[in-house]
Protein backbone atom coordinates (compact mmCIF):
# COMPACT_ATOMS: atom_id res chain seq x y z
CA UNK A 1 121.22 90.08 103.26
CA UNK A 2 119.02 90.05 100.15
CA UNK A 3 118.30 93.57 98.99
CA UNK A 4 115.25 94.81 97.12
CA UNK A 5 116.87 96.53 94.14
CA UNK A 6 115.67 97.59 90.71
CA UNK A 7 115.35 100.60 88.47
CA UNK A 8 113.02 102.80 86.52
CA UNK A 9 111.74 100.80 83.52
CA UNK A 10 109.54 101.66 80.54
CA UNK A 11 105.77 101.26 80.40
CA UNK A 12 104.84 101.10 76.71
CA UNK A 13 101.43 101.20 75.09
CA UNK A 14 101.68 97.75 73.48
CA UNK A 15 103.15 95.81 76.40
CA UNK A 16 102.37 97.92 79.51
CA UNK A 17 103.19 96.21 82.83
CA UNK A 18 104.23 92.98 81.11
CA UNK A 19 106.94 94.83 79.21
CA UNK A 20 108.04 96.51 82.43
CA UNK A 21 108.48 93.17 84.19
CA UNK A 22 110.38 91.66 81.25
CA UNK A 23 112.71 94.65 81.10
CA UNK A 24 113.36 94.54 84.86
CA UNK A 25 114.17 90.82 84.65
CA UNK A 26 116.94 91.49 82.10
CA UNK A 27 118.60 93.75 84.67
CA UNK A 28 118.58 91.11 87.42
CA UNK A 29 116.14 93.26 89.40
CA UNK A 30 113.57 92.13 91.95
CA UNK A 31 111.65 95.41 91.91
CA UNK A 32 111.06 98.29 89.49
CA UNK A 33 109.39 101.67 89.09
CA UNK A 34 107.12 102.88 86.28
CA UNK A 35 105.28 105.92 85.04
CA UNK A 36 101.90 104.87 83.62
CA UNK A 37 102.47 107.36 80.79
CA UNK A 38 104.98 110.03 79.82
CA UNK A 39 105.74 112.12 82.93
CA UNK A 40 105.74 115.36 80.93
CA UNK A 41 102.28 115.12 79.32
CA UNK A 42 98.70 113.94 79.81
CA UNK A 43 98.58 111.30 77.07
CA UNK A 44 97.26 108.10 78.64
CA UNK A 45 95.98 104.83 77.18
CA UNK A 46 93.54 102.45 78.90
CA UNK A 47 95.12 99.78 81.08
CA UNK A 48 94.88 96.31 79.50
CA UNK A 49 93.92 93.85 82.25
CA UNK A 50 95.14 90.89 80.17
CA UNK A 51 98.63 92.36 79.97
CA UNK A 52 98.50 93.03 83.71
CA UNK A 53 97.59 89.40 84.38
CA UNK A 54 100.46 88.17 82.21
CA UNK A 55 102.79 90.59 84.00
CA UNK A 56 101.98 89.02 87.35
CA UNK A 57 102.70 85.56 85.95
CA UNK A 58 106.13 86.79 84.87
CA UNK A 59 106.71 88.45 88.23
CA UNK A 60 106.30 85.10 89.97
CA UNK A 61 108.90 83.57 87.66
CA UNK A 62 111.36 86.38 88.35
CA UNK A 63 110.97 86.73 92.14
CA UNK A 64 109.39 90.18 91.88
CA UNK A 65 106.89 90.81 94.66
CA UNK A 66 103.81 92.91 93.98
CA UNK A 67 104.29 94.94 97.16
CA UNK A 68 107.73 96.06 96.01
CA UNK A 69 106.64 97.70 92.75
CA UNK A 70 106.60 101.50 92.69
CA UNK A 71 104.77 103.95 90.42
CA UNK A 72 105.73 107.59 89.93
CA UNK A 73 103.29 110.44 89.35
CA UNK A 74 103.85 112.79 86.38
CA UNK A 75 106.14 115.79 86.86
CA UNK A 76 103.48 118.12 85.47
CA UNK A 77 101.39 117.80 88.63
CA UNK A 78 101.99 120.79 90.90
CA UNK A 79 99.74 120.92 93.94
CA UNK A 80 101.57 123.87 95.52
CA UNK A 81 100.32 126.64 93.24
CA UNK A 82 96.64 127.49 92.67
CA UNK A 83 97.22 128.14 88.94
CA UNK A 84 97.75 124.41 88.41
CA UNK A 85 95.85 122.97 91.34
CA UNK A 86 92.54 121.99 89.73
CA UNK A 87 94.37 120.22 86.92
CA UNK A 88 96.78 118.60 89.38
CA UNK A 89 93.99 117.28 91.60
CA UNK A 90 92.05 115.88 88.66
CA UNK A 91 95.07 114.30 86.97
CA UNK A 92 96.43 112.84 90.20
CA UNK A 93 93.06 111.21 90.89
CA UNK A 94 93.22 109.60 87.43
CA UNK A 95 96.76 108.40 88.01
CA UNK A 96 95.81 106.85 91.33
CA UNK A 97 93.01 104.90 89.62
CA UNK A 98 95.45 103.67 86.97
CA UNK A 99 97.97 102.62 89.61
CA UNK A 100 95.25 100.85 91.60
CA UNK A 101 94.14 98.94 88.48
CA UNK A 102 97.73 97.69 88.10
CA UNK A 103 97.77 96.43 91.69
CA UNK A 104 100.57 98.81 92.71
CA UNK A 105 100.40 100.16 96.24
CA UNK A 106 102.80 103.14 96.25
CA UNK A 107 102.88 106.27 94.10
CA UNK A 108 105.82 108.67 94.35
CA UNK A 109 104.88 112.34 94.08
CA UNK A 110 106.97 115.51 93.83
CA UNK A 111 105.29 117.80 96.38
CA UNK A 112 105.29 120.79 94.03
CA UNK A 113 106.83 124.24 93.52
CA UNK A 114 105.60 127.46 95.10
CA UNK A 115 106.32 129.62 92.00
CA UNK A 116 106.24 132.97 93.76
CA UNK A 117 104.09 132.04 96.75
CA UNK A 118 105.32 132.02 100.33
CA UNK A 119 106.44 128.51 101.35
CA UNK A 120 103.84 128.32 104.10
CA UNK A 121 101.05 129.11 101.62
CA UNK A 122 102.42 126.58 99.12
CA UNK A 123 102.59 123.86 101.78
CA UNK A 124 99.00 124.55 102.83
CA UNK A 125 97.96 124.29 99.17
CA UNK A 126 99.58 120.85 98.94
CA UNK A 127 97.86 119.73 102.13
CA UNK A 128 94.45 120.93 100.94
CA UNK A 129 94.91 119.34 97.53
CA UNK A 130 95.92 115.96 98.94
CA UNK A 131 92.99 116.04 101.34
CA UNK A 132 90.77 116.48 98.29
CA UNK A 133 92.53 113.78 96.26
CA UNK A 134 92.65 111.07 98.94
CA UNK A 135 89.80 109.31 100.68
CA UNK A 136 89.28 106.39 103.03
CA UNK A 137 88.83 104.17 99.97
CA UNK A 138 92.15 105.11 98.34
CA UNK A 139 94.27 101.96 98.12
CA UNK A 140 97.44 103.66 96.91
CA UNK A 141 99.79 105.37 99.37
CA UNK A 142 101.36 108.63 98.18
CA UNK A 143 105.11 108.77 98.86
CA UNK A 144 106.31 112.39 98.97
CA UNK A 145 109.75 112.63 97.38
CA UNK A 146 112.63 114.47 99.05
CA UNK A 147 113.65 117.28 96.70
CA UNK A 148 116.95 119.01 95.95
CA UNK A 149 115.58 122.51 96.52
CA UNK A 150 116.00 123.60 92.91
CA UNK A 151 114.08 126.78 92.16
CA UNK A 152 111.03 126.97 94.43
CA UNK A 153 110.63 123.25 95.13
CA UNK A 154 108.79 122.21 98.27
CA UNK A 155 110.17 119.14 100.05
CA UNK A 156 113.78 120.30 100.27
CA UNK A 157 113.92 119.51 103.98
CA UNK A 158 112.34 117.07 106.40
CA UNK A 159 110.40 119.75 108.25
CA UNK A 160 108.42 120.64 105.12
CA UNK A 161 107.56 116.99 104.48
CA UNK A 162 106.58 116.55 108.14
CA UNK A 163 104.22 119.52 107.92
CA UNK A 164 102.48 118.04 104.86
CA UNK A 165 102.22 114.57 106.41
CA UNK A 166 100.73 116.00 109.62
CA UNK A 167 98.21 118.10 107.69
CA UNK A 168 96.84 115.34 105.45
CA UNK A 169 94.02 113.24 106.91
CA UNK A 170 95.13 110.00 105.26
CA UNK A 171 98.47 108.13 105.56
CA UNK A 172 101.43 109.35 103.52
CA UNK A 173 104.95 108.00 103.20
CA UNK A 174 108.26 109.39 101.96
CA UNK A 175 110.49 108.49 99.02
CA UNK A 176 114.11 109.28 99.86
CA UNK A 177 116.25 110.31 96.88
CA UNK A 178 119.97 110.15 97.67
CA UNK A 179 120.94 112.68 94.98
CA UNK A 180 118.22 115.10 96.05
CA UNK A 181 119.15 114.78 99.72
CA UNK A 182 122.82 115.39 98.94
CA UNK A 183 122.03 118.36 96.70
CA UNK A 184 119.68 119.74 99.39
CA UNK A 185 122.57 119.73 101.86
CA UNK A 186 122.20 116.45 103.77
CA UNK A 187 125.44 114.50 104.30
CA UNK A 188 125.07 111.03 102.77
CA UNK A 189 128.52 110.05 104.10
CA UNK A 190 126.94 110.22 107.58
CA UNK A 191 123.72 108.44 106.65
CA UNK A 192 123.20 107.01 110.14
CA UNK A 193 122.96 110.54 111.51
CA UNK A 194 120.53 111.50 108.74
CA UNK A 195 118.42 108.42 109.45
CA UNK A 196 118.32 109.29 113.14
CA UNK A 197 117.16 112.79 112.25
CA UNK A 198 114.53 111.39 109.89
CA UNK A 199 113.32 109.01 112.60
CA UNK A 200 112.97 111.83 115.11
CA UNK A 201 111.13 114.17 112.73
CA UNK A 202 109.02 111.79 110.61
CA UNK A 203 109.71 108.18 111.63
CA UNK A 204 111.62 105.45 109.74
CA UNK A 205 108.41 103.47 109.25
CA UNK A 206 107.29 106.24 106.87
CA UNK A 207 110.05 105.47 104.33
CA UNK A 208 108.21 103.85 101.42
CA UNK A 209 111.03 103.59 98.89
CA UNK A 210 114.46 105.00 98.07
CA UNK A 211 115.75 106.40 94.79
CA UNK A 212 119.41 105.42 94.63
CA UNK A 213 121.37 107.99 92.63
CA UNK A 214 124.83 109.47 92.79
CA UNK A 215 125.13 113.23 92.24
CA UNK A 216 127.00 115.29 89.64
CA UNK A 217 127.20 118.21 92.07
CA UNK A 218 128.78 119.09 95.36
CA UNK A 219 126.63 118.89 98.45
CA UNK A 220 124.12 121.73 99.00
CA UNK A 221 124.19 122.73 95.31
CA UNK A 222 120.37 122.53 94.91
CA UNK A 223 120.80 121.46 91.28
CA UNK A 224 119.34 117.90 91.07
CA UNK A 225 121.58 116.20 88.50
CA UNK A 226 121.83 112.44 88.85
CA UNK A 227 125.08 110.57 88.26
CA UNK A 228 125.89 106.88 87.79
CA UNK A 229 126.69 104.87 90.90
CA UNK A 230 130.22 105.59 92.13
CA UNK A 231 130.89 108.37 89.61
CA UNK A 232 129.54 111.28 91.64
CA UNK A 233 130.06 113.24 94.82
CA UNK A 234 128.19 110.78 97.07
CA UNK A 235 130.42 107.86 96.15
CA UNK A 236 130.08 104.09 95.85
CA UNK A 237 130.81 103.12 99.46
CA UNK A 238 128.32 105.62 100.89
CA UNK A 239 125.59 104.38 98.54
CA UNK A 240 126.34 100.74 99.39
CA UNK A 241 125.98 101.61 103.08
CA UNK A 242 122.55 103.10 102.39
CA UNK A 243 121.40 100.24 100.17
CA UNK A 244 122.40 97.55 102.68
CA UNK A 245 121.34 99.43 105.80
CA UNK A 246 119.78 96.98 108.24
CA UNK A 247 116.94 99.36 109.14
CA UNK A 248 115.93 99.68 105.48
CA UNK A 249 116.19 96.08 104.28
CA UNK A 250 112.45 95.85 103.52
CA UNK A 251 112.40 99.13 101.59
CA UNK A 252 112.54 98.94 97.75
CA UNK A 253 115.56 100.72 96.23
CA UNK A 254 115.19 102.15 92.73
CA UNK A 255 117.99 103.30 90.42
CA UNK A 256 117.32 106.42 88.33
CA UNK A 257 120.87 106.88 87.08
CA UNK A 258 121.63 108.33 83.61
CA UNK A 259 121.80 106.27 80.44
CA UNK A 260 125.36 105.88 79.12
CA UNK A 261 126.03 107.57 75.77
CA UNK A 262 127.71 105.83 72.84
CA UNK A 263 131.10 107.45 72.26
CA UNK A 264 130.77 107.42 68.45
CA UNK A 265 127.05 108.02 67.99
CA UNK A 266 125.90 110.51 70.62
CA UNK A 267 122.27 109.87 69.70
CA UNK A 268 122.58 106.35 71.11
CA UNK A 269 122.48 105.68 74.86
CA UNK A 270 122.26 102.53 76.94
CA UNK A 271 120.60 101.68 80.28
CA UNK A 272 123.22 101.10 83.00
CA UNK A 273 120.97 99.16 85.35
CA UNK A 274 122.02 95.57 84.62
CA UNK A 275 125.63 96.47 85.38
CA UNK A 276 124.95 98.80 88.29
CA UNK A 277 122.74 96.18 89.98
CA UNK A 278 125.45 93.55 89.48
CA UNK A 279 128.04 95.94 90.94
CA UNK A 280 125.80 96.68 93.91
CA UNK A 281 125.18 92.98 94.58
CA UNK A 282 128.95 92.36 94.47
CA UNK A 283 129.53 95.37 96.77
CA UNK A 284 132.54 96.23 94.63
CA UNK A 285 133.00 99.23 92.35
CA UNK A 286 133.45 98.28 88.70
CA UNK A 287 136.07 100.70 87.43
CA UNK A 288 135.22 99.69 83.84
CA UNK A 289 131.47 100.22 84.26
CA UNK A 290 130.96 102.63 81.36
CA UNK A 291 133.10 100.58 78.99
CA UNK A 292 131.36 97.33 79.95
CA UNK A 293 127.92 98.87 79.37
CA UNK A 294 128.87 100.18 75.94
CA UNK A 295 130.51 96.89 74.87
CA UNK A 296 127.49 94.85 75.97
CA UNK A 297 124.87 96.87 74.14
CA UNK A 298 126.92 97.53 71.00
CA UNK A 299 127.93 93.87 70.63
CA UNK A 300 124.38 92.63 71.19
CA UNK A 301 122.81 95.35 69.00
CA UNK A 302 120.37 96.27 71.78
């Protein structure tokens, strides 16, 4: 079974989508996820159509299908609270246009945080905002991300996501995050049961992508701290079961695991994705993963 596996990659001003594709190819990935600008601020540069065209040429060479690419909306968008809603609506509309211009069809969105409001009110705010953002002409599908329940996050359970999906006039999907689900209290060691529950409440066809992350915390901690594959409380075998699940074989899987720090120079850190993807494809835990990552990047001066 060929899996659709990749990671978060950079999207830089000078290379844009072309640079993203080239980075993903060095990891042995056949999909990837980008932010079209820094997720923590509003700085955005115009999309260069020439770089986008070159990116698609490289995608063909590297067996990366356009429909498998994922974009992620900035963290600073919060549609749940009226203090930030006008900004969030405006900025999300801009992001959707940018994603459309890149030919990407799915945009992952954190539903938002209530920040003192009742959950019901916050959920209604999200519904109203998305109904204002989306239209019949919107080509990008918003994928609501499952959240860990840290602070006042909305999206910590399937019922909240279902309520938003039912209230929005235009189609939405869901981005599962294995770390977030685990930290929210869902048992990833019994993923079949979770998937059955998801199918009953929302429907498996609504799963647009999956963030594959281990967790630094015990289940139901509501902390949202990602860990490298096989080094956390979810565990390698459970994540492999999710990645290779027959019902999810057409769903892109995206790694968002932490960079690995240099032991001598703590300011240096290295992307783990090349080695984690290789480990996942082999379906065998690499007990020397951290050491192999450090040796590779230090020896190659990357």
